[in-house]
Protein backbone atom coordinates (compact mmCIF):
# COMPACT_ATOMS: atom_id res chain seq x y z
CA MET A 1 96.53 -36.13 34.08
CA ILE A 2 96.23 -36.15 30.28
CA ASN A 3 98.87 -38.10 28.51
CA GLU A 4 101.15 -36.49 25.88
CA GLU A 5 99.71 -38.59 23.07
CA SER A 6 96.08 -37.23 23.91
CA LYS A 7 97.48 -33.65 24.21
CA SER A 8 99.11 -34.04 20.67
CA GLN A 9 95.69 -35.23 19.20
CA LEU A 10 93.92 -32.22 20.85
CA LYS A 11 96.25 -29.85 19.48
CA GLN A 12 95.75 -31.18 16.02
CA VAL A 13 92.07 -30.51 16.38
CA VAL A 14 92.43 -26.79 17.30
CA GLY A 15 96.06 -25.86 16.56
CA GLU A 16 98.81 -24.87 18.94
CA GLU A 17 97.52 -21.22 19.28
CA ARG A 18 94.36 -22.39 21.02
CA PHE A 19 95.63 -25.09 23.21
CA PHE A 20 97.25 -24.18 26.63
CA ASP A 21 98.81 -26.33 29.29
CA ASP A 22 101.36 -23.95 30.95
CA PRO A 23 100.47 -23.66 34.65
CA GLU A 24 100.54 -19.96 34.59
CA GLU A 25 98.47 -19.71 31.53
CA ILE A 26 95.64 -21.86 32.89
CA LEU A 27 95.67 -20.48 36.47
CA SER A 28 92.75 -18.07 35.79
CA PHE A 29 90.60 -21.06 34.83
CA SER A 30 90.91 -22.65 38.22
CA TYR A 31 88.20 -20.60 39.91
CA ASP A 32 85.05 -18.82 39.01
CA ALA A 33 82.91 -16.46 41.17
CA PHE A 34 82.54 -19.08 43.93
CA ILE A 35 85.21 -19.50 46.69
CA LEU A 36 86.76 -22.85 45.64
CA THR A 37 89.68 -23.44 43.21
CA SER A 38 90.60 -26.41 41.01
CA GLU A 39 92.95 -26.27 38.03
CA PRO A 40 92.35 -27.97 34.78
CA ASP A 41 95.17 -29.93 32.99
CA VAL A 42 94.60 -28.02 29.74
CA VAL A 43 92.55 -25.12 28.45
CA ILE A 44 91.28 -25.31 24.78
CA TYR A 45 89.44 -22.62 22.78
CA PRO A 46 87.21 -24.05 20.01
CA ILE A 47 85.87 -21.86 17.25
CA THR A 48 83.59 -24.39 15.48
CA THR A 49 81.10 -27.10 16.23
CA GLU A 50 83.29 -29.59 14.39
CA GLU A 51 86.34 -28.75 16.68
CA VAL A 52 84.11 -29.44 19.72
CA SER A 53 83.03 -32.65 18.37
CA GLY A 54 86.62 -33.62 17.55
CA ILE A 55 87.65 -32.79 21.17
CA MET A 56 84.85 -34.75 22.66
CA LYS A 57 85.67 -37.87 20.58
CA ILE A 58 89.14 -37.88 22.03
CA ALA A 59 87.96 -36.96 25.56
CA ASP A 60 85.36 -39.87 25.43
CA ARG A 61 87.79 -42.48 24.02
CA GLU A 62 90.51 -41.49 26.62
CA ASN A 63 88.04 -40.84 29.44
CA ILE A 64 89.11 -37.26 29.94
CA PRO A 65 86.91 -34.96 32.02
CA VAL A 66 85.56 -31.87 30.21
CA THR A 67 84.16 -28.70 31.91
CA CYS A 68 82.75 -25.98 29.65
CA ARG A 69 83.38 -22.31 30.54
CA GLY A 70 82.31 -18.95 29.30
CA SER A 71 83.19 -15.92 31.39
CA GLY A 72 83.30 -17.78 34.68
CA THR A 73 80.77 -15.52 36.37
CA ASN A 74 78.74 -18.14 38.02
CA ILE A 75 78.61 -18.40 41.81
CA SER A 76 77.71 -21.98 42.35
CA ALA A 77 81.11 -23.52 41.18
CA ALA A 78 79.46 -24.94 38.21
CA SER A 79 82.27 -24.12 35.74
CA LEU A 80 85.02 -25.46 38.11
CA PRO A 81 87.05 -28.31 36.58
CA VAL A 82 86.94 -30.32 39.97
CA LYS A 83 88.15 -33.46 38.24
CA LYS A 84 90.69 -31.54 36.24
CA GLY A 85 90.97 -32.61 32.52
CA ILE A 86 89.91 -30.14 29.86
CA ALA A 87 88.54 -26.65 30.49
CA LEU A 88 86.65 -25.95 27.25
CA CYS A 89 86.38 -22.17 26.86
CA PHE A 90 83.86 -20.71 24.49
CA THR A 91 84.79 -17.03 24.49
CA LYS A 92 86.08 -17.17 20.80
CA MET A 93 82.76 -18.67 19.65
CA ASN A 94 81.05 -15.40 19.95
CA ARG A 95 79.16 -14.58 16.64
CA VAL A 96 75.66 -13.34 16.03
CA ILE A 97 74.94 -15.61 13.06
CA GLU A 98 71.51 -14.29 12.10
CA VAL A 99 68.98 -11.65 13.22
CA ASN A 100 65.48 -12.12 11.96
CA THR A 101 63.02 -9.69 13.37
CA GLN A 102 60.25 -10.76 11.04
CA ASP A 103 60.17 -14.20 12.52
CA ARG A 104 61.47 -12.88 15.96
CA TYR A 105 64.51 -14.98 16.51
CA VAL A 106 68.30 -14.63 16.60
CA ILE A 107 70.94 -17.36 16.03
CA VAL A 108 74.08 -16.96 18.10
CA GLU A 109 77.15 -18.85 19.31
CA PRO A 110 77.67 -19.67 22.98
CA GLY A 111 80.45 -17.35 23.76
CA LEU A 112 78.61 -14.19 22.93
CA ILE A 113 78.18 -11.73 25.75
CA ASN A 114 74.52 -11.20 26.65
CA GLY A 115 75.01 -7.37 26.72
CA GLU A 116 76.57 -7.40 23.24
CA LEU A 117 73.55 -9.22 21.98
CA GLN A 118 71.32 -6.65 23.51
CA LYS A 119 73.11 -3.83 21.64
CA VAL A 120 72.79 -5.57 18.28
CA LEU A 121 69.00 -6.17 18.94
CA ALA A 122 68.37 -2.64 20.11
CA GLN A 123 69.43 -1.29 16.68
CA GLU A 124 66.45 -3.32 15.29
CA GLY A 125 64.09 -2.19 18.04
CA PHE A 126 64.16 -5.65 19.82
CA PHE A 127 65.58 -7.16 22.97
CA TYR A 128 66.41 -10.49 24.44
CA PRO A 129 64.52 -10.49 27.82
CA PRO A 130 66.85 -12.72 30.10
CA ASP A 131 69.13 -10.15 31.74
CA PRO A 132 71.33 -11.47 34.61
CA GLY A 133 73.10 -9.17 36.83
CA SER A 134 76.28 -10.07 34.99
CA ILE A 135 74.72 -9.08 31.66
CA ASN A 136 77.81 -7.14 30.53
CA VAL A 137 80.12 -10.09 31.17
CA SER A 138 78.30 -13.35 31.13
CA THR A 139 77.92 -15.40 27.94
CA ILE A 140 74.76 -16.76 26.31
CA GLY A 141 76.12 -20.26 26.64
CA GLY A 142 76.66 -19.82 30.39
CA ASN A 143 73.15 -18.36 30.58
CA ILE A 144 71.71 -21.40 28.81
CA ALA A 145 73.71 -23.67 31.11
CA GLN A 146 72.45 -22.10 34.32
CA ASN A 147 68.94 -21.15 32.94
CA ALA A 148 69.69 -17.51 33.90
CA GLY A 149 67.03 -15.13 34.86
CA GLY A 150 67.41 -11.47 36.07
CA PRO A 151 65.20 -8.45 36.96
CA ARG A 152 63.05 -8.74 33.80
CA CYS A 153 62.16 -12.42 34.26
CA LEU A 154 59.24 -11.27 36.53
CA LYS A 155 57.21 -10.28 33.49
CA TYR A 156 59.18 -11.94 30.63
CA GLY A 157 60.37 -15.24 31.95
CA VAL A 158 63.82 -16.87 32.10
CA THR A 159 66.29 -18.35 29.57
CA SER A 160 64.34 -21.55 28.92
CA ASP A 161 61.38 -19.58 27.89
CA TYR A 162 63.37 -18.16 24.95
CA VAL A 163 65.45 -20.98 23.73
CA LEU A 164 63.75 -22.23 20.45
CA ALA A 165 66.46 -24.44 19.15
CA MET A 166 70.06 -25.68 19.83
CA GLU A 167 73.00 -27.33 18.25
CA VAL A 168 74.42 -29.72 20.82
CA VAL A 169 77.55 -31.81 20.82
CA LEU A 170 76.95 -34.99 22.83
CA VAL A 171 79.85 -36.60 24.86
CA SER A 172 80.40 -39.05 21.99
CA GLY A 173 81.09 -36.25 19.68
CA LYS A 174 77.80 -36.67 17.74
CA ILE A 175 76.12 -33.48 16.84
CA VAL A 176 72.40 -33.04 17.24
CA ARG A 177 69.87 -30.32 16.66
CA VAL A 178 66.88 -29.97 18.91
CA GLY A 179 63.87 -27.66 18.56
CA SER A 180 63.20 -25.31 15.58
CA ARG A 181 62.76 -21.60 14.68
CA ASN A 182 59.11 -21.90 15.27
CA VAL A 183 57.35 -20.35 18.36
CA LYS A 184 55.02 -23.24 18.33
CA ASP A 185 56.71 -26.57 18.06
CA VAL A 186 55.48 -29.71 19.76
CA THR A 187 57.26 -32.20 17.60
CA GLY A 188 58.60 -34.95 19.95
CA TYR A 189 60.34 -34.27 23.36
CA LYS A 190 61.23 -30.75 24.16
CA LEU A 191 64.84 -31.59 24.43
CA SER A 192 65.94 -27.91 24.58
CA SER A 193 64.42 -27.75 28.06
CA LEU A 194 66.55 -30.84 29.08
CA PHE A 195 69.84 -29.16 28.16
CA CYS A 196 68.91 -25.72 29.43
CA GLY A 197 69.76 -25.49 33.01
CA SER A 198 71.77 -28.78 32.96
CA GLU A 199 74.95 -26.91 34.02
CA GLY A 200 76.92 -28.50 31.18
CA THR A 201 76.42 -32.11 32.57
CA LEU A 202 74.48 -33.55 29.64
CA GLY A 203 75.77 -31.91 26.34
CA ILE A 204 77.66 -28.86 24.89
CA VAL A 205 75.60 -26.17 23.27
CA THR A 206 77.49 -24.76 20.23
CA GLU A 207 74.64 -22.71 18.65
CA ALA A 208 71.37 -21.30 20.01
CA THR A 209 68.28 -19.98 18.32
CA LEU A 210 66.62 -17.57 20.72
CA ARG A 211 63.22 -15.92 20.67
CA VAL A 212 63.33 -12.10 20.84
CA VAL A 213 60.87 -9.38 21.72
CA SER A 214 60.14 -6.00 20.40
CA ILE A 215 61.05 -2.96 22.72
CA ALA A 216 57.97 -1.58 24.42
CA GLU A 217 56.62 1.83 23.44
CA SER A 218 56.95 3.35 26.87
CA HIS A 219 58.96 2.71 30.17
CA ARG A 220 58.65 4.10 33.67
CA THR A 221 61.06 3.57 36.67
CA ILE A 222 59.59 4.02 40.07
CA LEU A 223 61.56 4.27 43.31
CA ALA A 224 59.85 3.77 46.58
CA THR A 225 61.45 4.01 50.05
CA TYR A 226 60.41 2.75 53.45
CA ASP A 227 61.16 3.14 57.05
CA ASP A 228 60.33 -0.46 57.66
CA LEU A 229 61.78 -3.40 55.69
CA GLU A 230 58.59 -5.39 56.39
CA ASP A 231 56.48 -2.79 54.68
CA THR A 232 58.84 -2.89 51.61
CA ALA A 233 58.20 -6.69 51.35
CA ASN A 234 54.44 -6.33 51.91
CA THR A 235 54.23 -3.91 49.02
CA VAL A 236 55.63 -6.50 46.67
CA ALA A 237 53.07 -9.09 47.66
CA ASP A 238 50.32 -6.58 47.39
CA ILE A 239 51.20 -5.35 43.96
CA ILE A 240 51.62 -8.77 42.59
CA GLY A 241 48.57 -10.10 44.25
CA SER A 242 46.41 -7.27 42.71
CA GLY A 243 47.22 -8.50 39.23
CA ILE A 244 49.71 -5.70 38.23
CA LEU A 245 52.79 -7.29 36.52
CA PRO A 246 55.77 -4.95 36.34
CA ALA A 247 58.57 -5.73 34.11
CA ALA A 248 60.85 -5.76 37.16
CA MET A 249 60.58 -5.29 40.89
CA GLU A 250 63.88 -5.20 42.87
CA LEU A 251 64.33 -4.85 46.57
CA MET A 252 67.28 -3.58 48.51
CA ASP A 253 67.71 -3.28 52.21
CA LYS A 254 69.39 -0.56 54.12
CA THR A 255 72.79 -2.36 54.20
CA VAL A 256 72.78 -2.76 50.45
CA ILE A 257 71.40 0.76 49.83
CA ASN A 258 74.36 2.29 51.64
CA VAL A 259 77.02 0.04 50.26
CA VAL A 260 75.90 0.91 46.73
CA ALA A 261 75.71 4.62 47.55
CA ASP A 262 79.35 4.62 48.91
CA ALA A 263 80.52 2.68 45.68
CA SER A 264 78.71 4.72 43.03
CA GLY A 265 78.61 8.15 44.65
CA MET A 266 74.85 8.31 43.77
CA SER A 267 72.21 10.00 45.92
CA LEU A 268 70.30 7.19 47.29
CA PRO A 269 68.00 7.18 50.31
CA ARG A 270 70.58 6.12 52.93
CA GLU A 271 68.18 6.32 55.94
CA ALA A 272 65.62 4.07 54.34
CA ALA A 273 65.16 0.59 55.70
CA GLY A 274 64.16 -0.75 52.40
CA MET A 275 63.79 0.55 48.69
CA LEU A 276 61.87 -0.87 45.77
CA LEU A 277 62.99 -0.25 42.25
CA ILE A 278 60.15 -0.87 39.94
CA GLU A 279 59.96 -0.88 36.15
CA ILE A 280 56.80 -0.77 34.07
CA ASP A 281 56.68 -1.11 30.27
CA GLY A 282 54.03 -1.26 27.54
CA VAL A 283 51.83 1.23 25.58
CA GLU A 284 51.84 4.67 27.08
CA GLU A 285 48.29 4.64 28.28
CA ALA A 286 48.71 1.42 30.09
CA VAL A 287 52.05 2.34 31.55
CA GLU A 288 50.63 5.56 33.05
CA LYS A 289 47.62 3.75 34.59
CA GLU A 290 49.91 1.00 36.11
CA MET A 291 52.30 3.62 37.43
CA ASN A 292 49.56 5.40 39.26
CA ARG A 293 48.19 2.12 40.76
CA ILE A 294 51.70 0.97 41.83
CA ALA A 295 52.46 4.33 43.51
CA GLU A 296 49.07 4.09 45.39
CA LYS A 297 49.82 0.58 46.50
CA ALA A 298 53.30 1.62 47.73
CA ARG A 299 51.91 4.55 49.79
CA ASP A 300 49.10 2.31 51.22
CA ASN A 301 51.85 -0.12 52.47
CA GLY A 302 53.85 2.59 54.19
CA ALA A 303 56.15 4.21 51.59
CA ARG A 304 57.68 7.39 52.89
CA ASP A 305 58.61 8.46 49.31
CA VAL A 306 57.50 7.51 45.84
CA THR A 307 59.25 9.05 42.87
CA VAL A 308 59.41 8.58 39.17
CA ALA A 309 62.47 8.80 37.04
CA HIS A 310 61.86 11.78 34.74
CA THR A 311 64.53 10.94 32.10
CA GLN A 312 66.00 7.82 30.56
CA LYS A 313 69.40 8.82 32.17
CA GLU A 314 67.81 8.87 35.65
CA SER A 315 66.39 5.46 35.02
CA ASP A 316 69.48 3.99 33.44
CA ASP A 317 71.40 5.36 36.65
CA LEU A 318 69.07 3.75 39.11
CA TRP A 319 69.36 0.27 37.25
CA ALA A 320 73.14 0.70 37.05
CA ALA A 321 73.09 1.18 40.84
CA ARG A 322 71.14 -2.05 41.18
CA ARG A 323 73.48 -3.97 38.98
CA LEU A 324 76.41 -2.57 40.93
CA ALA A 325 75.09 -4.15 44.22
CA TYR A 326 77.05 -7.41 44.20
CA GLY A 327 80.40 -5.84 43.16
CA ALA A 328 80.04 -3.06 45.65
CA PHE A 329 79.17 -5.48 48.52
CA ALA A 330 82.12 -7.71 47.52
CA ARG A 331 84.34 -4.81 48.31
CA LEU A 332 83.51 -4.88 52.06
CA ALA A 333 85.72 -7.93 52.79
CA PRO A 334 88.02 -10.38 51.02
CA ASN A 335 85.03 -12.41 49.86
CA CYS A 336 81.36 -12.14 49.36
CA ILE A 337 78.89 -15.04 49.09
CA VAL A 338 75.68 -14.56 47.16
CA GLU A 339 72.90 -16.96 48.18
CA ASP A 340 69.92 -17.65 46.07
CA VAL A 341 66.60 -18.94 47.43
CA THR A 342 63.11 -18.54 45.94
CA VAL A 343 59.65 -18.58 47.67
CA PRO A 344 56.13 -17.77 46.54
CA VAL A 345 55.68 -13.97 46.29
CA SER A 346 53.10 -14.16 49.07
CA ASN A 347 55.77 -15.45 51.36
CA VAL A 348 58.36 -12.82 50.53
CA PRO A 349 57.71 -10.79 53.71
CA LYS A 350 58.16 -13.85 55.85
CA MET A 351 61.40 -14.93 54.15
CA ILE A 352 62.93 -11.45 54.35
CA LYS A 353 62.05 -11.34 58.14
CA ALA A 354 63.55 -14.81 58.66
CA THR A 355 66.64 -14.10 56.84
CA ARG A 356 67.22 -10.94 58.71
CA GLU A 357 66.73 -12.81 62.07
CA ILE A 358 69.06 -15.64 61.01
CA ALA A 359 71.82 -13.17 60.02
CA ASP A 360 71.55 -11.34 63.36
CA ARG A 361 71.69 -14.64 65.32
CA TYR A 362 74.88 -15.69 63.58
CA LYS A 363 76.29 -12.15 63.66
CA LEU A 364 76.88 -12.00 59.82
CA HIS A 365 77.43 -8.90 57.66
CA LEU A 366 74.52 -9.55 55.51
CA GLY A 367 72.53 -7.41 53.06
CA ILE A 368 69.29 -8.55 51.37
CA LEU A 369 68.90 -8.00 47.62
CA ALA A 370 66.04 -9.53 45.85
CA HIS A 371 64.18 -9.97 42.54
CA ALA A 372 61.20 -9.56 44.84
CA GLY A 373 58.48 -9.64 42.26
CA ASP A 374 59.09 -13.38 41.66
CA GLY A 375 60.29 -14.24 45.04
CA ASN A 376 63.97 -14.70 44.25
CA MET A 377 66.14 -13.66 47.31
CA HIS A 378 69.78 -12.99 47.11
CA PRO A 379 71.23 -12.56 50.63
CA LEU A 380 74.73 -11.11 50.36
CA ILE A 381 77.29 -12.08 53.01
CA ALA A 382 80.66 -10.27 53.10
CA HIS A 383 83.22 -12.32 54.87
CA ASP A 384 86.88 -13.25 55.40
CA PRO A 385 87.59 -16.88 54.08
CA ASN A 386 90.47 -17.13 56.55
CA ASP A 387 88.00 -16.66 59.50
CA LYS A 388 87.23 -20.39 60.09
CA ASP A 389 84.59 -19.40 62.75
CA GLU A 390 82.87 -16.99 60.54
CA LEU A 391 82.79 -19.63 57.75
CA LYS A 392 81.13 -22.11 60.17
CA ARG A 393 78.53 -19.59 61.16
CA ILE A 394 77.82 -18.79 57.35
CA GLU A 395 77.40 -22.47 56.64
CA GLN A 396 74.95 -22.88 59.39
CA ALA A 397 73.07 -19.73 58.51
CA ALA A 398 72.82 -20.80 54.89
CA LYS A 399 71.42 -24.19 55.83
CA GLU A 400 68.70 -22.50 57.86
CA ILE A 401 68.00 -19.94 55.15
CA PHE A 402 67.53 -22.88 52.69
CA GLU A 403 65.31 -24.86 55.17
CA THR A 404 63.16 -21.79 55.78
CA GLY A 405 62.73 -21.13 52.10
CA VAL A 406 61.73 -24.67 51.45
CA SER A 407 59.30 -24.63 54.41
CA LEU A 408 57.64 -21.59 52.94
CA GLY A 409 56.96 -23.51 49.63
CA GLY A 410 60.10 -22.33 47.98
CA THR A 411 63.14 -24.00 46.32
CA LEU A 412 67.00 -23.86 46.51
CA SER A 413 67.78 -21.75 43.49
CA GLY A 414 65.85 -19.34 41.30
CA GLU A 415 68.76 -18.61 38.72
CA HIS A 416 72.24 -19.41 40.16
CA GLY A 417 72.04 -23.20 39.85
CA ILE A 418 73.20 -26.00 42.12
CA GLY A 419 76.74 -26.80 40.95
CA LEU A 420 78.88 -27.73 43.90
CA ALA A 421 77.46 -24.99 46.27
CA LYS A 422 74.10 -26.66 46.96
CA ALA A 423 74.38 -30.31 45.90
CA GLU A 424 74.17 -31.43 49.58
CA PHE A 425 70.76 -29.69 49.95
CA LEU A 426 68.96 -31.24 47.00
CA PRO A 427 67.17 -33.77 49.38
CA LEU A 428 65.37 -30.86 50.81
CA VAL A 429 63.33 -30.42 47.60
CA MET A 430 63.73 -33.81 45.87
CA ASN A 431 63.04 -37.33 47.13
CA GLN A 432 65.31 -40.32 46.28
CA ASP A 433 63.31 -41.39 43.27
CA THR A 434 63.57 -37.96 41.67
CA LEU A 435 67.35 -37.84 42.35
CA ASP A 436 67.66 -41.32 40.81
CA LEU A 437 65.77 -40.21 37.67
CA MET A 438 68.25 -37.27 37.27
CA ALA A 439 71.13 -39.78 37.64
CA ASP A 440 69.54 -42.09 35.15
CA ILE A 441 69.24 -39.18 32.52
CA LYS A 442 72.86 -38.32 33.13
CA LYS A 443 73.99 -41.94 32.77
CA THR A 444 72.16 -42.32 29.56
CA LEU A 445 73.74 -39.20 27.97
CA ASP A 446 77.09 -39.33 29.55
CA PRO A 447 77.73 -42.97 30.59
CA LYS A 448 81.35 -42.28 31.73
CA GLY A 449 80.46 -39.18 33.60
CA ILE A 450 83.05 -36.98 31.93
CA LEU A 451 80.92 -33.89 31.23
CA ASN A 452 81.34 -31.38 34.08
CA PRO A 453 81.91 -34.26 36.66
CA GLY A 454 81.63 -33.98 40.44
CA LYS A 455 78.66 -31.63 40.46
CA PHE A 456 75.09 -31.88 41.51
CA VAL A 457 74.22 -35.12 39.67
């Protein structure tokens, strides 16, 4: 518990109107998109870096746990205040500070919604490539904390590839700047990469300078459907292996296709065992050529139908359906677990087959959704959290899915992070010396362990 004197000091930093400790007011901060709950003692909304620094000075002195939070969309329990203390919510720090298209960067605050940034940039003919499925809800700070990806990361890369510089508040309250506005910068350690993906365990990002990219001249969206899920997966490996690099390549199995069709009312291929949604962008001539090659590869691998979206609206509708998948699947039961495992693209067919076999063996209501072009699998499991037997089967199945992914040269997470959800599985991919190194880094930057405590490190 936070004593009354500390509460008074914290209120002096931000004012009464942005400090909350009433149980009813802080209830919504006790959960994220994961299945666990844990309430903070207080919720604070900072609006400046100086306020964050002041809060951390008090927290460090009084040994108060601090868990940062944006929109709470993550599904690894990374933003849960499991040791109570302060939930530091950044949704009021949401400004676009500068847009510089000449030098190809934008400076933003951490509470800015990713989708809002995209709208601002689109007016200038630019975009910010990382586009998680929660793009219209999740914040840039949360995206940085989790090193978010999304469909476009196949061609364009993930969040860490676009963070040029950061302003970071350390646990002591010190304010540091890492990186610069330059695309090329090898001055000292690349500290931005240390904080990006650290899930709020090392420092608090209060400002980010991000690299942006001009919108391509031409886009095409291709929909390929299959009678065999294995053929769907084989197409992915064949296209990537041939040297073609689409902007995005998403896979849905029959279960997910039908759930999305039910929820959206869209006319999707309900009888198909698998579906690929592929986007190509670039100059018109190159896009046309790649589109024809991809269509040929799809047919060679057994596609029963290959169609191209004829209008921007058709393309937008298809991608809207894809982004709807998680929410639609979550309507099937009281809860929905979204797993996250990544394998080399050449092993995507084996991983999908193994996942399907595991789900059938444990009698789970599982659908397969994947950023297939980069090997990132998202098995969706609808379930009732009150069914203890089902939860046991899910835990056993998840363990086998992770072990299978690692055995195929993969890793535990492609974009959702570790948080609480996967901490126990880290030894599958890291030896003890590696785990100790991470612990040493944590101890150096956060000696008392008050930043997002109780998580993977």
